[in-house]
Amino acid sequence: EGRAYTIGAGGVTIGRDVSCGIRYPKETSGISRNHCKVYWNSQGALMIMDCGSSYGTYLSGCGKLSGNHPVALKTGDTFWLGSETNAFRVQIKR
């Protein structure tokens, strides 16, 4: 809560695996090892993609995302992993 994350050119994977850029503790329920990825596409849009997680990735106004299908994010969007207790708010600064 209250943390800010910068998404670099390579994007960031969120999950429980040690390779994730944003890592949850291994005992966190509802979060897969490699849950989702947030990245910049070649057109400069910020994207989110569920990586086939067990409990799902959700986006405000869209609901549950389909696995491995990128969706564009915009400032003000909120997405969450498994449940709304694992929520992120999008703030794009250029």
PDB file of N, CA and C in Angstrom:
ATOM      1  N   GLU A   1       0.843  -1.187   0.000  1.00  0.00           N
ATOM      2  CA  GLU A   1       0.000   0.000   0.000  1.00  0.00           C
ATOM      3  C   GLU A   1       0.885   1.246   0.000  1.00  0.00           C
ATOM      4  N   GLY A   2       0.582   2.174  -0.887  1.00  0.00           N
ATOM      5  CA  GLY A   2       1.323   3.409  -0.948  1.00  0.00           C
ATOM      6  C   GLY A   2       2.636   3.333  -1.698  1.00  0.00           C
ATOM      7  N   ARG A   3       2.963   2.201  -2.270  1.00  0.00           N
ATOM      8  CA  ARG A   3       4.211   2.051  -3.014  1.00  0.00           C
ATOM      9  C   ARG A   3       3.990   2.439  -4.473  1.00  0.00           C
ATOM     10  N   ALA A   4       5.047   2.938  -5.092  1.00  0.00           N
ATOM     11  CA  ALA A   4       5.016   3.257  -6.519  1.00  0.00           C
ATOM     12  C   ALA A   4       6.056   2.401  -7.223  1.00  0.00           C
ATOM     13  N   TYR A   5       5.707   1.913  -8.391  1.00  0.00           N
ATOM     14  CA  TYR A   5       6.608   1.068  -9.170  1.00  0.00           C
ATOM     15  C   TYR A   5       6.795   1.689 -10.545  1.00  0.00           C
ATOM     16  N   THR A   6       8.026   1.746 -10.999  1.00  0.00           N
ATOM     17  CA  THR A   6       8.341   2.226 -12.332  1.00  0.00           C
ATOM     18  C   THR A   6       8.408   1.028 -13.266  1.00  0.00           C
ATOM     19  N   ILE A   7       7.744   1.149 -14.410  1.00  0.00           N
ATOM     20  CA  ILE A   7       7.759   0.080 -15.400  1.00  0.00           C
ATOM     21  C   ILE A   7       8.787   0.446 -16.460  1.00  0.00           C
ATOM     22  N   GLY A   8       9.900  -0.254 -16.461  1.00  0.00           N
ATOM     23  CA  GLY A   8      10.969   0.020 -17.411  1.00  0.00           C
ATOM     24  C   GLY A   8      10.672  -0.562 -18.783  1.00  0.00           C
ATOM     25  N   ALA A   9      11.633  -0.451 -19.669  1.00  0.00           N
ATOM     26  CA  ALA A   9      11.469  -0.898 -21.058  1.00  0.00           C
ATOM     27  C   ALA A   9      11.125  -2.379 -21.157  1.00  0.00           C
ATOM     28  N   GLY A  10      11.633  -3.198 -20.260  1.00  0.00           N
ATOM     29  CA  GLY A  10      11.374  -4.636 -20.297  1.00  0.00           C
ATOM     30  C   GLY A  10      10.107  -5.062 -19.594  1.00  0.00           C
ATOM     31  N   GLY A  11       9.397  -4.119 -18.976  1.00  0.00           N
ATOM     32  CA  GLY A  11       8.188  -4.447 -18.234  1.00  0.00           C
ATOM     33  C   GLY A  11       8.503  -5.082 -16.894  1.00  0.00           C
ATOM     34  N   VAL A  12       7.471  -5.528 -16.214  1.00  0.00           N
ATOM     35  CA  VAL A  12       7.637  -6.163 -14.910  1.00  0.00           C
ATOM     36  C   VAL A  12       6.618  -7.287 -14.769  1.00  0.00           C
ATOM     37  N   THR A  13       7.084  -8.414 -14.238  1.00  0.00           N
ATOM     38  CA  THR A  13       6.197  -9.527 -13.921  1.00  0.00           C
ATOM     39  C   THR A  13       5.864  -9.443 -12.443  1.00  0.00           C
ATOM     40  N   ILE A  14       4.604  -9.718 -12.117  1.00  0.00           N
ATOM     41  CA  ILE A  14       4.126  -9.685 -10.741  1.00  0.00           C
ATOM     42  C   ILE A  14       3.734 -11.105 -10.345  1.00  0.00           C
ATOM     43  N   GLY A  15       4.199 -11.549  -9.195  1.00  0.00           N
ATOM     44  CA  GLY A  15       3.861 -12.885  -8.712  1.00  0.00           C
ATOM     45  C   GLY A  15       4.693 -13.276  -7.513  1.00  0.00           C
ATOM     46  N   ARG A  16       4.754 -14.575  -7.232  1.00  0.00           N
ATOM     47  CA  ARG A  16       5.477 -15.093  -6.068  1.00  0.00           C
ATOM     48  C   ARG A  16       6.865 -15.628  -6.401  1.00  0.00           C
ATOM     49  N   ASP A  17       7.168 -15.812  -7.680  1.00  0.00           N
ATOM     50  CA  ASP A  17       8.454 -16.376  -8.071  1.00  0.00           C
ATOM     51  C   ASP A  17       9.590 -15.387  -7.785  1.00  0.00           C
ATOM     52  N   VAL A  18      10.762 -15.907  -7.464  1.00  0.00           N
ATOM     53  CA  VAL A  18      11.910 -15.041  -7.159  1.00  0.00           C
ATOM     54  C   VAL A  18      12.330 -14.196  -8.359  1.00  0.00           C
ATOM     55  N   SER A  19      11.947 -14.589  -9.567  1.00  0.00           N
ATOM     56  CA  SER A  19      12.312 -13.820 -10.760  1.00  0.00           C
ATOM     57  C   SER A  19      11.395 -12.620 -11.006  1.00  0.00           C
ATOM     58  N   CYS A  20      10.309 -12.499 -10.260  1.00  0.00           N
ATOM     59  CA  CYS A  20       9.345 -11.414 -10.478  1.00  0.00           C
ATOM     60  C   CYS A  20       9.898 -10.078  -9.985  1.00  0.00           C
ATOM     61  N   GLY A  21       9.640  -9.027 -10.745  1.00  0.00           N
ATOM     62  CA  GLY A  21      10.061  -7.686 -10.365  1.00  0.00           C
ATOM     63  C   GLY A  21       9.260  -7.132  -9.200  1.00  0.00           C
ATOM     64  N   ILE A  22       7.996  -7.507  -9.129  1.00  0.00           N
ATOM     65  CA  ILE A  22       7.151  -7.192  -7.970  1.00  0.00           C
ATOM     66  C   ILE A  22       6.758  -8.543  -7.401  1.00  0.00           C
ATOM     67  N   ARG A  23       7.320  -8.850  -6.237  1.00  0.00           N
ATOM     68  CA  ARG A  23       7.199 -10.190  -5.677  1.00  0.00           C
ATOM     69  C   ARG A  23       6.379 -10.187  -4.392  1.00  0.00           C
ATOM     70  N   TYR A  24       5.435 -11.105  -4.349  1.00  0.00           N
ATOM     71  CA  TYR A  24       4.642 -11.355  -3.149  1.00  0.00           C
ATOM     72  C   TYR A  24       5.303 -12.483  -2.363  1.00  0.00           C
ATOM     73  N   PRO A  25       5.106 -12.524  -1.044  1.00  0.00           N
ATOM     74  CA  PRO A  25       5.639 -13.644  -0.253  1.00  0.00           C
ATOM     75  C   PRO A  25       5.064 -14.974  -0.759  1.00  0.00           C
ATOM     76  N   LYS A  26       5.845 -16.035  -0.655  1.00  0.00           N
ATOM     77  CA  LYS A  26       5.441 -17.327  -1.219  1.00  0.00           C
ATOM     78  C   LYS A  26       4.159 -17.878  -0.616  1.00  0.00           C
ATOM     79  N   GLU A  27       3.818 -17.479   0.586  1.00  0.00           N
ATOM     80  CA  GLU A  27       2.612 -17.996   1.236  1.00  0.00           C
ATOM     81  C   GLU A  27       1.354 -17.179   0.920  1.00  0.00           C
ATOM     82  N   THR A  28       1.459 -16.169   0.066  1.00  0.00           N
ATOM     83  CA  THR A  28       0.310 -15.328  -0.274  1.00  0.00           C
ATOM     84  C   THR A  28      -0.685 -16.117  -1.110  1.00  0.00           C
ATOM     85  N   SER A  29      -1.896 -16.293  -0.590  1.00  0.00           N
ATOM     86  CA  SER A  29      -2.903 -17.044  -1.347  1.00  0.00           C
ATOM     87  C   SER A  29      -3.499 -16.152  -2.442  1.00  0.00           C
ATOM     88  N   GLY A  30      -3.883 -16.771  -3.535  1.00  0.00           N
ATOM     89  CA  GLY A  30      -4.505 -16.048  -4.638  1.00  0.00           C
ATOM     90  C   GLY A  30      -3.530 -15.451  -5.636  1.00  0.00           C
ATOM     91  N   ILE A  31      -2.221 -15.574  -5.374  1.00  0.00           N
ATOM     92  CA  ILE A  31      -1.202 -15.032  -6.273  1.00  0.00           C
ATOM     93  C   ILE A  31      -0.396 -16.203  -6.841  1.00  0.00           C
ATOM     94  N   SER A  32      -0.353 -16.299  -8.170  1.00  0.00           N
ATOM     95  CA  SER A  32       0.419 -17.357  -8.826  1.00  0.00           C
ATOM     96  C   SER A  32       1.898 -17.000  -8.851  1.00  0.00           C
ATOM     97  N   ARG A  33       2.720 -17.972  -9.162  1.00  0.00           N
ATOM     98  CA  ARG A  33       4.167 -17.722  -9.228  1.00  0.00           C
ATOM     99  C   ARG A  33       4.484 -16.603 -10.216  1.00  0.00           C
ATOM    100  N   ASN A  34       3.973 -16.706 -11.427  1.00  0.00           N
ATOM    101  CA  ASN A  34       4.088 -15.650 -12.434  1.00  0.00           C
ATOM    102  C   ASN A  34       2.662 -15.262 -12.807  1.00  0.00           C
ATOM    103  N   HIS A  35       2.107 -14.325 -12.075  1.00  0.00           N
ATOM    104  CA  HIS A  35       0.678 -14.021 -12.149  1.00  0.00           C
ATOM    105  C   HIS A  35       0.328 -13.187 -13.380  1.00  0.00           C
ATOM    106  N   CYS A  36       0.995 -12.041 -13.547  1.00  0.00           N
ATOM    107  CA  CYS A  36       0.711 -11.177 -14.689  1.00  0.00           C
ATOM    108  C   CYS A  36       1.948 -10.354 -15.032  1.00  0.00           C
ATOM    109  N   LYS A  37       1.869  -9.728 -16.196  1.00  0.00           N
ATOM    110  CA  LYS A  37       2.970  -8.875 -16.632  1.00  0.00           C
ATOM    111  C   LYS A  37       2.406  -7.530 -17.057  1.00  0.00           C
ATOM    112  N   VAL A  38       3.117  -6.457 -16.684  1.00  0.00           N
ATOM    113  CA  VAL A  38       2.787  -5.092 -17.106  1.00  0.00           C
ATOM    114  C   VAL A  38       3.978  -4.610 -17.924  1.00  0.00           C
ATOM    115  N   TYR A  39       3.705  -4.108 -19.116  1.00  0.00           N
ATOM    116  CA  TYR A  39       4.799  -3.734 -20.009  1.00  0.00           C
ATOM    117  C   TYR A  39       4.337  -2.684 -21.026  1.00  0.00           C
ATOM    118  N   TRP A  40       5.311  -2.070 -21.678  1.00  0.00           N
ATOM    119  CA  TRP A  40       5.064  -1.109 -22.754  1.00  0.00           C
ATOM    120  C   TRP A  40       5.096  -1.855 -24.076  1.00  0.00           C
ATOM    121  N   ASN A  41       4.070  -1.675 -24.917  1.00  0.00           N
ATOM    122  CA  ASN A  41       4.121  -2.328 -26.229  1.00  0.00           C
ATOM    123  C   ASN A  41       4.906  -1.469 -27.215  1.00  0.00           C
ATOM    124  N   SER A  42       5.054  -1.939 -28.438  1.00  0.00           N
ATOM    125  CA  SER A  42       5.878  -1.241 -29.430  1.00  0.00           C
ATOM    126  C   SER A  42       5.297   0.110 -29.854  1.00  0.00           C
ATOM    127  N   GLN A  43       4.013   0.345 -29.598  1.00  0.00           N
ATOM    128  CA  GLN A  43       3.391   1.640 -29.900  1.00  0.00           C
ATOM    129  C   GLN A  43       3.439   2.597 -28.707  1.00  0.00           C
ATOM    130  N   GLY A  44       4.036   2.158 -27.596  1.00  0.00           N
ATOM    131  CA  GLY A  44       4.171   3.014 -26.424  1.00  0.00           C
ATOM    132  C   GLY A  44       3.001   2.978 -25.466  1.00  0.00           C
ATOM    133  N   ALA A  45       2.091   2.010 -25.628  1.00  0.00           N
ATOM    134  CA  ALA A  45       0.957   1.870 -24.714  1.00  0.00           C
ATOM    135  C   ALA A  45       1.331   0.934 -23.564  1.00  0.00           C
ATOM    136  N   LEU A  46       0.851   1.253 -22.378  1.00  0.00           N
ATOM    137  CA  LEU A  46       1.070   0.389 -21.223  1.00  0.00           C
ATOM    138  C   LEU A  46       0.045  -0.737 -21.274  1.00  0.00           C
ATOM    139  N   MET A  47       0.522  -1.962 -21.171  1.00  0.00           N
ATOM    140  CA  MET A  47      -0.314  -3.148 -21.310  1.00  0.00           C
ATOM    141  C   MET A  47      -0.233  -4.015 -20.059  1.00  0.00           C
ATOM    142  N   ILE A  48      -1.291  -4.801 -19.850  1.00  0.00           N
ATOM    143  CA  ILE A  48      -1.283  -5.819 -18.800  1.00  0.00           C
ATOM    144  C   ILE A  48      -1.707  -7.131 -19.448  1.00  0.00           C
ATOM    145  N   MET A  49      -1.080  -8.212 -18.993  1.00  0.00           N
ATOM    146  CA  MET A  49      -1.424  -9.529 -19.518  1.00  0.00           C
ATOM    147  C   MET A  49      -1.381 -10.546 -18.380  1.00  0.00           C
ATOM    148  N   ASP A  50      -2.484 -11.242 -18.181  1.00  0.00           N
ATOM    149  CA  ASP A  50      -2.511 -12.339 -17.223  1.00  0.00           C
ATOM    150  C   ASP A  50      -1.670 -13.476 -17.799  1.00  0.00           C
ATOM    151  N   CYS A  51      -0.845 -14.089 -16.981  1.00  0.00           N
ATOM    152  CA  CYS A  51       0.071 -15.144 -17.439  1.00  0.00           C
ATOM    153  C   CYS A  51      -0.488 -16.535 -17.176  1.00  0.00           C
ATOM    154  N   GLY A  52      -1.815 -16.673 -17.258  1.00  0.00           N
ATOM    155  CA  GLY A  52      -2.439 -17.970 -17.001  1.00  0.00           C
ATOM    156  C   GLY A  52      -2.561 -18.274 -15.523  1.00  0.00           C
ATOM    157  N   SER A  53      -2.769 -17.243 -14.716  1.00  0.00           N
ATOM    158  CA  SER A  53      -2.841 -17.409 -13.264  1.00  0.00           C
ATOM    159  C   SER A  53      -4.050 -18.252 -12.855  1.00  0.00           C
ATOM    160  N   SER A  54      -3.969 -18.841 -11.669  1.00  0.00           N
ATOM    161  CA  SER A  54      -5.057 -19.675 -11.151  1.00  0.00           C
ATOM    162  C   SER A  54      -6.257 -18.864 -10.685  1.00  0.00           C
ATOM    163  N   TYR A  55      -6.019 -17.727 -10.045  1.00  0.00           N
ATOM    164  CA  TYR A  55      -7.100 -16.946  -9.453  1.00  0.00           C
ATOM    165  C   TYR A  55      -7.507 -15.741 -10.290  1.00  0.00           C
ATOM    166  N   GLY A  56      -6.790 -15.458 -11.353  1.00  0.00           N
ATOM    167  CA  GLY A  56      -7.177 -14.409 -12.278  1.00  0.00           C
ATOM    168  C   GLY A  56      -6.605 -13.047 -11.981  1.00  0.00           C
ATOM    169  N   THR A  57      -6.565 -12.238 -13.042  1.00  0.00           N
ATOM    170  CA  THR A  57      -6.200 -10.828 -12.986  1.00  0.00           C
ATOM    171  C   THR A  57      -7.429 -10.061 -13.449  1.00  0.00           C
ATOM    172  N   TYR A  58      -7.795  -9.024 -12.706  1.00  0.00           N
ATOM    173  CA  TYR A  58      -9.018  -8.272 -12.973  1.00  0.00           C
ATOM    174  C   TYR A  58      -8.680  -6.814 -13.244  1.00  0.00           C
ATOM    175  N   LEU A  59      -9.434  -6.198 -14.142  1.00  0.00           N
ATOM    176  CA  LEU A  59      -9.243  -4.791 -14.489  1.00  0.00           C
ATOM    177  C   LEU A  59     -10.567  -4.072 -14.314  1.00  0.00           C
ATOM    178  N   SER A  60     -10.537  -2.925 -13.634  1.00  0.00           N
ATOM    179  CA  SER A  60     -11.747  -2.145 -13.429  1.00  0.00           C
ATOM    180  C   SER A  60     -12.405  -1.849 -14.773  1.00  0.00           C
ATOM    181  N   GLY A  61     -13.702  -2.066 -14.844  1.00  0.00           N
ATOM    182  CA  GLY A  61     -14.454  -1.815 -16.061  1.00  0.00           C
ATOM    183  C   GLY A  61     -14.405  -2.932 -17.077  1.00  0.00           C
ATOM    184  N   CYS A  62     -13.532  -3.911 -16.872  1.00  0.00           N
ATOM    185  CA  CYS A  62     -13.386  -5.033 -17.825  1.00  0.00           C
ATOM    186  C   CYS A  62     -13.663  -6.379 -17.186  1.00  0.00           C
ATOM    187  N   GLY A  63     -13.456  -6.501 -15.888  1.00  0.00           N
ATOM    188  CA  GLY A  63     -13.609  -7.782 -15.217  1.00  0.00           C
ATOM    189  C   GLY A  63     -12.373  -8.637 -15.346  1.00  0.00           C
ATOM    190  N   LYS A  64     -12.576  -9.945 -15.343  1.00  0.00           N
ATOM    191  CA  LYS A  64     -11.468 -10.900 -15.377  1.00  0.00           C
ATOM    192  C   LYS A  64     -10.848 -10.927 -16.773  1.00  0.00           C
ATOM    193  N   LEU A  65      -9.515 -10.828 -16.815  1.00  0.00           N
ATOM    194  CA  LEU A  65      -8.800 -10.853 -18.087  1.00  0.00           C
ATOM    195  C   LEU A  65      -8.595 -12.290 -18.551  1.00  0.00           C
ATOM    196  N   SER A  66      -8.640 -12.484 -19.853  1.00  0.00           N
ATOM    197  CA  SER A  66      -8.331 -13.789 -20.440  1.00  0.00           C
ATOM    198  C   SER A  66      -6.822 -14.003 -20.372  1.00  0.00           C
ATOM    199  N   GLY A  67      -6.414 -15.213 -20.080  1.00  0.00           N
ATOM    200  CA  GLY A  67      -4.992 -15.517 -19.989  1.00  0.00           C
ATOM    201  C   GLY A  67      -4.259 -15.292 -21.294  1.00  0.00           C
ATOM    202  N   ASN A  68      -3.097 -14.669 -21.199  1.00  0.00           N
ATOM    203  CA  ASN A  68      -2.199 -14.431 -22.334  1.00  0.00           C
ATOM    204  C   ASN A  68      -2.788 -13.543 -23.430  1.00  0.00           C
ATOM    205  N   HIS A  69      -3.729 -12.663 -23.077  1.00  0.00           N
ATOM    206  CA  HIS A  69      -4.301 -11.694 -24.015  1.00  0.00           C
ATOM    207  C   HIS A  69      -4.084 -10.286 -23.440  1.00  0.00           C
ATOM    208  N   PRO A  70      -3.157  -9.514 -24.002  1.00  0.00           N
ATOM    209  CA  PRO A  70      -2.847  -8.179 -23.485  1.00  0.00           C
ATOM    210  C   PRO A  70      -4.033  -7.212 -23.585  1.00  0.00           C
ATOM    211  N   VAL A  71      -4.122  -6.347 -22.589  1.00  0.00           N
ATOM    212  CA  VAL A  71      -5.149  -5.296 -22.532  1.00  0.00           C
ATOM    213  C   VAL A  71      -4.441  -3.994 -22.176  1.00  0.00           C
ATOM    214  N   ALA A  72      -4.828  -2.903 -22.845  1.00  0.00           N
ATOM    215  CA  ALA A  72      -4.215  -1.594 -22.587  1.00  0.00           C
ATOM    216  C   ALA A  72      -4.664  -1.044 -21.239  1.00  0.00           C
ATOM    217  N   LEU A  73      -3.733  -0.373 -20.559  1.00  0.00           N
ATOM    218  CA  LEU A  73      -4.012   0.322 -19.305  1.00  0.00           C
ATOM    219  C   LEU A  73      -3.947   1.822 -19.544  1.00  0.00           C
ATOM    220  N   LYS A  74      -4.706   2.568 -18.734  1.00  0.00           N
ATOM    221  CA  LYS A  74      -4.638   4.025 -18.792  1.00  0.00           C
ATOM    222  C   LYS A  74      -4.624   4.570 -17.369  1.00  0.00           C
ATOM    223  N   THR A  75      -4.200   5.807 -17.235  1.00  0.00           N
ATOM    224  CA  THR A  75      -4.188   6.444 -15.922  1.00  0.00           C
ATOM    225  C   THR A  75      -5.577   6.373 -15.297  1.00  0.00           C
ATOM    226  N   GLY A  76      -5.605   6.003 -14.043  1.00  0.00           N
ATOM    227  CA  GLY A  76      -6.860   5.889 -13.299  1.00  0.00           C
ATOM    228  C   GLY A  76      -7.392   4.474 -13.222  1.00  0.00           C
ATOM    229  N   ASP A  77      -6.907   3.582 -14.097  1.00  0.00           N
ATOM    230  CA  ASP A  77      -7.325   2.183 -14.036  1.00  0.00           C
ATOM    231  C   ASP A  77      -6.840   1.550 -12.738  1.00  0.00           C
ATOM    232  N   THR A  78      -7.595   0.580 -12.277  1.00  0.00           N
ATOM    233  CA  THR A  78      -7.187  -0.246 -11.148  1.00  0.00           C
ATOM    234  C   THR A  78      -7.232  -1.697 -11.606  1.00  0.00           C
ATOM    235  N   PHE A  79      -6.193  -2.443 -11.284  1.00  0.00           N
ATOM    236  CA  PHE A  79      -6.224  -3.880 -11.544  1.00  0.00           C
ATOM    237  C   PHE A  79      -5.853  -4.599 -10.264  1.00  0.00           C
ATOM    238  N   TRP A  80      -6.326  -5.833 -10.158  1.00  0.00           N
ATOM    239  CA  TRP A  80      -6.016  -6.603  -8.954  1.00  0.00           C
ATOM    240  C   TRP A  80      -5.782  -8.060  -9.315  1.00  0.00           C
ATOM    241  N   LEU A  81      -5.058  -8.710  -8.417  1.00  0.00           N
ATOM    242  CA  LEU A  81      -4.635 -10.094  -8.602  1.00  0.00           C
ATOM    243  C   LEU A  81      -5.362 -10.963  -7.600  1.00  0.00           C
ATOM    244  N   GLY A  82      -6.239 -11.826  -8.080  1.00  0.00           N
ATOM    245  CA  GLY A  82      -6.961 -12.749  -7.208  1.00  0.00           C
ATOM    246  C   GLY A  82      -8.101 -12.110  -6.444  1.00  0.00           C
ATOM    247  N   SER A  83      -7.828 -11.054  -5.699  1.00  0.00           N
ATOM    248  CA  SER A  83      -8.863 -10.336  -4.953  1.00  0.00           C
ATOM    249  C   SER A  83      -8.489  -8.857  -4.862  1.00  0.00           C
ATOM    250  N   GLU A  84      -9.461  -8.045  -4.531  1.00  0.00           N
ATOM    251  CA  GLU A  84      -9.231  -6.594  -4.484  1.00  0.00           C
ATOM    252  C   GLU A  84      -8.251  -6.173  -3.394  1.00  0.00           C
ATOM    253  N   THR A  85      -7.869  -7.085  -2.507  1.00  0.00           N
ATOM    254  CA  THR A  85      -6.857  -6.751  -1.500  1.00  0.00           C
ATOM    255  C   THR A  85      -5.471  -6.642  -2.130  1.00  0.00           C
ATOM    256  N   ASN A  86      -5.313  -7.146  -3.359  1.00  0.00           N
ATOM    257  CA  ASN A  86      -4.038  -7.093  -4.089  1.00  0.00           C
ATOM    258  C   ASN A  86      -4.181  -6.161  -5.291  1.00  0.00           C
ATOM    259  N   ALA A  87      -4.562  -4.918  -5.022  1.00  0.00           N
ATOM    260  CA  ALA A  87      -4.889  -3.971  -6.087  1.00  0.00           C
ATOM    261  C   ALA A  87      -3.747  -2.994  -6.377  1.00  0.00           C
ATOM    262  N   PHE A  88      -3.694  -2.564  -7.630  1.00  0.00           N
ATOM    263  CA  PHE A  88      -2.738  -1.569  -8.108  1.00  0.00           C
ATOM    264  C   PHE A  88      -3.511  -0.489  -8.862  1.00  0.00           C
ATOM    265  N   ARG A  89      -3.141   0.755  -8.657  1.00  0.00           N
ATOM    266  CA  ARG A  89      -3.752   1.864  -9.390  1.00  0.00           C
ATOM    267  C   ARG A  89      -2.730   2.387 -10.396  1.00  0.00           C
ATOM    268  N   VAL A  90      -3.157   2.602 -11.614  1.00  0.00           N
ATOM    269  CA  VAL A  90      -2.274   2.996 -12.699  1.00  0.00           C
ATOM    270  C   VAL A  90      -2.139   4.518 -12.756  1.00  0.00           C
ATOM    271  N   GLN A  91      -0.897   4.970 -12.778  1.00  0.00           N
ATOM    272  CA  GLN A  91      -0.587   6.403 -12.953  1.00  0.00           C
ATOM    273  C   GLN A  91       0.529   6.491 -13.983  1.00  0.00           C
ATOM    274  N   ILE A  92       0.198   6.898 -15.194  1.00  0.00           N
ATOM    275  CA  ILE A  92       1.191   6.985 -16.257  1.00  0.00           C
ATOM    276  C   ILE A  92       1.766   8.388 -16.285  1.00  0.00           C
ATOM    277  N   LYS A  93       3.077   8.457 -16.148  1.00  0.00           N
ATOM    278  CA  LYS A  93       3.796   9.735 -16.208  1.00  0.00           C
ATOM    279  C   LYS A  93       4.782   9.655 -17.353  1.00  0.00           C
ATOM    280  N   ARG A  94       4.752  10.626 -18.194  1.00  0.00           N
ATOM    281  CA  ARG A  94       5.667  10.616 -19.363  1.00  0.00           C
ATOM    282  C   ARG A  94       6.688  11.722 -19.228  1.00  0.00           C
TER     283      ARG A  94
END
